[in-house]
Protein backbone atom coordinates (compact mmCIF):
# COMPACT_ATOMS: atom_id res chain seq x y z
CA MET A 1 -7.72 -11.10 31.31
CA ALA A 2 -8.20 -10.66 27.53
CA SER A 3 -6.50 -7.52 26.07
CA PRO A 4 -8.78 -4.64 25.48
CA MET A 5 -6.65 -3.85 22.32
CA ARG A 6 -8.27 -4.12 18.87
CA ASN A 7 -7.01 -4.19 15.50
CA LEU A 8 -7.18 -0.65 13.90
CA LEU A 9 -9.14 -1.99 10.94
CA THR A 10 -12.16 -2.87 13.27
CA ASN A 11 -12.91 0.80 12.92
CA PRO A 12 -12.67 1.89 9.16
CA SER A 13 -13.02 5.37 9.61
CA GLN A 14 -10.41 5.62 12.37
CA TYR A 15 -8.15 3.80 9.97
CA VAL A 16 -8.68 6.30 7.27
CA ARG A 17 -8.01 9.29 9.73
CA SER A 18 -4.88 7.70 11.17
CA PHE A 19 -3.70 6.77 7.64
CA ARG A 20 -4.16 10.58 6.49
CA VAL A 21 -2.10 11.63 9.36
CA PHE A 22 0.52 9.08 8.07
CA LEU A 23 0.52 10.49 4.77
CA ALA A 24 0.86 14.04 6.11
CA LYS A 25 3.75 13.28 8.26
CA SER A 26 5.76 11.03 5.78
CA THR A 27 7.27 11.42 2.29
CA GLU A 28 5.73 8.33 1.24
CA HIS A 29 3.66 9.80 -1.64
CA GLN A 30 6.82 12.00 -2.78
CA SER A 31 8.75 8.74 -2.77
CA MET A 32 6.01 7.02 -4.65
CA GLN A 33 5.88 9.88 -7.12
CA GLU A 34 9.60 9.89 -7.91
CA PHE A 35 9.30 6.19 -8.75
CA VAL A 36 6.26 6.61 -10.97
CA GLU A 37 7.84 9.52 -12.87
CA GLN A 38 11.30 8.35 -13.09
CA GLN A 39 11.39 4.47 -13.28
CA LEU A 40 7.90 3.39 -14.39
CA PRO A 41 7.83 4.77 -17.83
CA ASP A 42 10.73 2.47 -18.81
CA LEU A 43 9.05 -0.43 -17.01
CA LEU A 44 5.75 0.17 -18.93
CA ALA A 45 7.42 0.76 -22.21
CA SER A 46 5.93 -2.40 -24.03
CA ILE A 47 2.51 -3.00 -22.18
CA GLY A 48 0.32 -1.06 -24.80
CA SER A 49 2.34 -1.64 -27.96
CA GLY A 50 -0.08 -1.40 -30.75
CA LYS A 51 -3.09 -1.62 -28.52
CA SER A 52 -6.17 0.56 -29.01
CA ALA A 53 -6.97 0.54 -25.31
CA ILE A 54 -4.76 -0.24 -22.31
CA ASN A 55 -6.34 -2.19 -19.46
CA ILE A 56 -5.11 -1.22 -15.79
CA LEU A 57 -6.32 -2.89 -12.56
CA SER A 58 -5.76 -1.20 -9.20
CA VAL A 59 -5.88 -3.48 -6.41
CA GLY A 60 -6.43 -1.42 -3.09
CA GLY A 61 -6.56 1.91 -4.94
CA GLY A 62 -7.34 3.91 -1.67
CA ALA A 63 -8.11 7.57 -2.39
CA GLY A 64 -6.47 7.24 -5.78
CA GLU A 65 -3.48 9.74 -5.35
CA THR A 66 -0.83 7.16 -6.59
CA ASP A 67 -3.23 5.82 -9.03
CA LEU A 68 -3.80 9.12 -10.78
CA ARG A 69 -0.13 9.80 -10.87
CA ILE A 70 0.31 6.25 -12.53
CA LEU A 71 -2.26 7.01 -15.13
CA SER A 72 -0.51 10.42 -15.93
CA THR A 73 2.56 8.32 -16.82
CA VAL A 74 0.75 5.84 -18.84
CA GLN A 75 -0.92 8.65 -20.80
CA ALA A 76 2.30 10.43 -21.41
CA SER A 77 3.75 7.12 -22.85
CA TYR A 78 0.77 6.32 -24.87
CA PRO A 79 -0.86 9.76 -25.88
CA GLY A 80 -4.47 9.47 -26.89
CA VAL A 81 -4.72 5.60 -26.30
CA ALA A 82 -8.04 4.77 -24.26
CA ILE A 83 -7.37 3.46 -20.70
CA ASN A 84 -9.82 1.28 -18.85
CA ASN A 85 -9.06 1.83 -15.13
CA GLU A 86 -10.75 -0.80 -12.55
CA VAL A 87 -10.30 -0.20 -8.97
CA ILE A 88 -10.86 -2.71 -6.18
CA GLU A 89 -11.15 -0.89 -2.84
CA PRO A 90 -13.04 -2.30 0.22
CA ASN A 91 -13.40 1.09 2.14
CA ALA A 92 -16.21 3.08 0.90
CA GLU A 93 -14.81 6.41 2.30
CA GLN A 94 -11.76 6.01 0.27
CA ILE A 95 -13.68 5.53 -3.00
CA LEU A 96 -15.45 8.65 -2.42
CA LYS A 97 -12.32 10.47 -2.12
CA TYR A 98 -10.99 8.88 -5.12
CA LYS A 99 -13.95 10.02 -7.13
CA GLU A 100 -13.36 13.63 -5.81
CA HIS A 101 -9.86 13.39 -6.91
CA VAL A 102 -10.88 12.12 -10.30
CA ALA A 103 -13.36 15.14 -10.77
CA ALA A 104 -10.70 17.37 -9.85
CA THR A 105 -8.09 16.24 -12.22
CA PRO A 106 -7.98 17.43 -15.65
CA ASN A 107 -7.03 15.40 -18.79
CA LEU A 108 -8.81 12.37 -18.13
CA LYS A 109 -10.99 12.19 -21.04
CA ASN A 110 -9.63 9.10 -22.56
CA VAL A 111 -9.74 7.07 -19.06
CA LYS A 112 -12.92 5.23 -18.14
CA PHE A 113 -13.14 4.27 -14.11
CA ILE A 114 -14.99 1.41 -12.76
CA TRP A 115 -14.99 1.02 -8.90
CA HIS A 116 -15.28 -2.30 -7.09
CA ASN A 117 -16.27 -1.70 -3.38
CA GLU A 118 -14.79 -5.02 -2.20
CA THR A 119 -11.71 -6.74 -1.01
CA ALA A 120 -9.10 -8.65 -3.41
CA TYR A 121 -10.44 -11.72 -2.39
CA GLY A 122 -14.10 -10.84 -2.75
CA TYR A 123 -13.32 -9.65 -6.31
CA GLU A 124 -11.47 -12.90 -7.11
CA SER A 125 -14.28 -14.98 -5.60
CA LYS A 126 -16.82 -12.95 -7.70
CA MET A 127 -14.88 -13.29 -10.94
CA LYS A 128 -14.39 -17.15 -10.41
CA ALA A 129 -17.99 -17.64 -9.72
CA GLU A 130 -19.12 -15.72 -12.81
CA LYS A 131 -16.33 -17.70 -14.78
CA LYS A 132 -14.74 -14.38 -15.92
CA SER A 133 -11.18 -13.97 -16.56
CA GLN A 134 -10.20 -10.46 -17.89
CA LYS A 135 -6.66 -9.89 -18.70
CA TRP A 136 -4.82 -6.67 -17.60
CA ASP A 137 -1.80 -4.90 -19.16
CA PHE A 138 -0.77 -3.45 -15.76
CA ILE A 139 -1.97 -4.48 -12.26
CA HIS A 140 -0.66 -2.61 -9.16
CA MET A 141 -0.91 -3.47 -5.56
CA VAL A 142 0.41 -0.49 -3.60
CA GLN A 143 0.64 -1.12 0.15
CA MET A 144 -2.25 -3.42 0.36
CA LEU A 145 -1.08 -6.95 0.80
CA TYR A 146 -0.75 -6.65 4.48
CA TYR A 147 -4.68 -6.84 4.50
CA VAL A 148 -5.23 -10.08 2.58
CA LYS A 149 -5.59 -13.50 4.27
CA ASP A 150 -3.22 -15.47 1.95
CA ILE A 151 -0.39 -13.46 0.26
CA PRO A 152 1.01 -16.03 -2.11
CA ALA A 153 -2.51 -17.20 -3.21
CA THR A 154 -3.45 -13.53 -3.83
CA ILE A 155 -0.26 -12.84 -5.93
CA ARG A 156 -0.69 -15.78 -7.84
CA TYR A 157 -4.35 -15.20 -8.79
CA PHE A 158 -3.69 -11.55 -9.93
CA HIS A 159 -0.38 -12.52 -11.67
CA SER A 160 -2.47 -15.04 -13.60
CA LEU A 161 -4.35 -12.17 -14.97
CA LEU A 162 -1.42 -10.45 -16.89
CA GLU A 163 -1.45 -10.23 -20.59
CA ALA A 164 1.39 -11.56 -22.42
CA ARG A 165 3.37 -8.13 -22.02
CA GLY A 166 1.76 -7.07 -18.93
CA LYS A 167 3.41 -6.10 -15.65
CA LEU A 168 2.42 -6.51 -11.98
CA LEU A 169 3.74 -3.94 -9.33
CA ILE A 170 3.92 -4.76 -5.89
CA VAL A 171 4.65 -1.99 -3.38
CA MET A 172 5.59 -2.95 0.35
CA VAL A 173 7.57 -1.55 3.25
CA SER A 174 11.28 -2.46 2.65
CA GLU A 175 12.99 -5.01 4.86
CA THR A 176 15.42 -2.22 5.62
CA SER A 177 12.60 -0.18 7.10
CA GLY A 178 11.86 0.60 10.77
CA TRP A 179 8.65 -1.43 10.21
CA GLU A 180 10.40 -4.84 9.90
CA THR A 181 12.55 -3.97 13.16
CA MET A 182 9.43 -3.26 15.08
CA TRP A 183 7.17 -5.99 13.64
CA LYS A 184 9.83 -8.66 14.35
CA LYS A 185 10.11 -7.52 17.90
CA PHE A 186 6.56 -6.50 18.86
CA GLY A 187 4.24 -8.05 16.10
CA SER A 188 3.02 -10.97 18.36
CA SER A 189 1.92 -8.42 21.05
CA PHE A 190 -0.58 -6.66 18.62
CA PRO A 191 -4.03 -7.87 17.80
CA LEU A 192 -4.07 -8.77 14.14
CA ASP A 193 -7.80 -10.10 14.49
CA ASP A 194 -7.21 -11.93 11.25
CA LEU A 195 -7.30 -8.43 9.53
CA CYS A 196 -3.93 -7.90 8.60
CA ILE A 197 -0.60 -9.66 8.20
CA PHE A 198 2.91 -8.02 9.08
CA ALA A 199 4.99 -8.61 6.18
CA SER A 200 7.83 -6.74 4.24
CA SER A 201 9.67 -6.95 0.89
CA ALA A 202 11.58 -9.97 2.31
CA ALA A 203 8.41 -12.05 2.61
CA ILE A 204 7.36 -11.05 -1.07
CA ARG A 205 10.79 -11.92 -2.49
CA LYS A 206 10.65 -15.51 -0.86
CA ILE A 207 7.17 -16.01 -2.43
CA LEU A 208 8.35 -14.87 -5.89
CA ASP A 209 11.73 -16.81 -5.62
CA SER A 210 9.81 -19.99 -4.62
CA ALA A 211 7.21 -19.44 -7.40
CA GLY A 212 10.03 -19.03 -10.00
CA LEU A 213 8.81 -15.57 -10.96
CA LYS A 214 10.97 -12.93 -12.75
CA TYR A 215 10.99 -9.58 -11.15
CA GLN A 216 13.13 -6.21 -10.54
CA LEU A 217 13.24 -4.67 -7.23
CA TYR A 218 13.64 -0.91 -6.49
CA GLU A 219 14.26 0.67 -3.05
CA LEU A 220 12.38 3.89 -2.44
CA PRO A 221 13.83 5.95 0.49
CA SER A 222 11.24 7.50 2.56
CA HIS A 223 10.64 8.52 6.21
CA LEU A 224 7.86 9.44 8.64
CA ASP A 225 8.21 12.36 11.20
CA ILE A 226 6.99 10.57 14.50
CA THR A 227 8.16 13.33 16.70
CA SER A 228 4.63 14.13 17.93
CA CYS A 229 4.46 10.41 19.27
CA PHE A 230 6.57 11.27 22.19
CA THR A 231 4.17 13.99 23.49
CA GLU A 232 1.59 12.69 25.88
CA GLY A 233 -1.91 13.46 24.52
CA ASP A 234 -1.00 14.84 21.19
CA GLU A 235 -3.63 14.13 18.74
CA ASP A 236 -1.41 13.45 15.62
CA GLY A 237 1.07 11.40 17.76
CA GLU A 238 -1.80 9.23 18.98
CA MET A 239 -3.09 8.64 15.50
CA LEU A 240 0.47 7.89 14.25
CA LEU A 241 0.80 5.15 17.17
CA ASP A 242 -2.27 3.73 16.11
CA PHE A 243 -1.17 3.30 12.36
CA LEU A 244 2.28 2.09 13.48
CA THR A 245 0.97 -0.54 15.64
CA GLN A 246 -2.30 -1.25 13.55
CA VAL A 247 -4.25 -1.04 16.97
CA TYR A 248 -7.20 1.06 17.54
CA GLU A 249 -6.57 3.72 20.38
CA PHE A 250 -3.23 2.08 21.11
CA SER A 251 -2.37 4.92 23.70
CA LYS A 252 -5.47 4.20 25.61
CA THR A 253 -5.76 0.61 25.54
CA ALA A 254 -2.22 -0.88 25.36
CA PRO A 255 -0.61 -2.21 28.72
CA PRO A 256 1.63 0.76 29.94
CA GLU A 257 4.85 -1.75 29.61
CA LEU A 258 4.02 -2.42 26.25
CA LYS A 259 3.39 1.31 25.39
CA ARG A 260 6.87 2.22 27.07
CA GLN A 261 8.76 -0.46 25.30
CA ILE A 262 7.23 0.69 21.79
CA LEU A 263 8.23 4.16 22.47
CA GLU A 264 11.55 3.30 23.49
CA GLU A 265 12.10 1.07 20.36
CA LEU A 266 10.92 3.79 18.04
CA ARG A 267 13.69 6.16 19.18
CA LYS A 268 16.53 3.52 18.51
CA PRO A 269 18.80 3.52 15.42
CA GLY A 270 17.07 0.45 14.12
CA CYS A 271 13.88 2.37 13.61
CA SER A 272 14.44 6.06 13.47
CA GLU A 273 17.12 8.81 13.37
CA ASN A 274 17.28 12.03 14.95
CA ARG A 275 17.55 15.08 12.65
CA ASN A 276 17.42 18.67 13.44
CA GLY A 277 15.32 17.93 16.67
CA LYS A 278 12.94 15.49 15.00
CA VAL A 279 12.46 11.86 15.19
CA LEU A 280 12.26 10.43 11.73
CA PHE A 281 10.96 6.74 11.46
CA ASN A 282 12.56 4.69 8.59
CA ASN A 283 9.69 4.33 6.15
CA ASN A 284 11.67 3.00 3.16
CA LEU A 285 9.51 1.05 0.48
CA SER A 286 10.48 -1.61 -2.05
CA ALA A 287 8.70 -1.57 -5.49
CA ILE A 288 8.76 -4.91 -7.19
CA VAL A 289 7.89 -5.18 -10.81
CA ILE A 290 7.11 -8.88 -11.87
CA GLU A 291 7.17 -9.99 -15.39
CA PRO A 292 4.25 -12.24 -16.60
């Protein structure tokens, strides 16, 4: 009998809701903020030298929280320089949130925003059909390569759009994270529905090495409080299980034995640690900065 489990992305609104619970319960945005404020300025030191405008492309910009931190860092490095910030984001709900965040953020007078409500592949296909090939000073792909059909081809295309001194930033879950442990063990049990790929920084390093690209890798420690996952019927816990497995209504649709095994695995040291009565899932990230 076919499994009733469906990939979370088959319900975009539920995906956004579970993602927001994930962000509220994790230190992901704090980890990204530290990286953007402490490491990124040096990495972007040469991208705008002598330019009257800096072109930035955000691939999978979501609701824009990280994008706006990146823009603030670029503005601090290049005071008064015009910035063209284009965003590729397939989820219309996220774009609305992004626009709300822009409206509520001061000091964006020198930044021009354009949103493309489409996938990375949709954008690439459109640009190729129109024979357009705009170059970018900085392209960032934060936590989005899980949702493309062909990771090497996507990296290859966007890398080809870099200016001579441009940089491409990719952020993925780290190969040291609990995600890697769980996906290796249970990935084949989840319905991907051709909508997502389970991949960590290990897969990205392999792709970059085989393409002969130069890059620097930074590990960003992060954790996710999954304590609520172990309380039957807890709404936040169920949302987190949806996000961790990328399965829509995992608790209701997963075979009982699979659910038992997942909950057991999530408590193990390979995935999580117990601290002050909480179960903290290892949500470490890798930031990979690629040269032109």
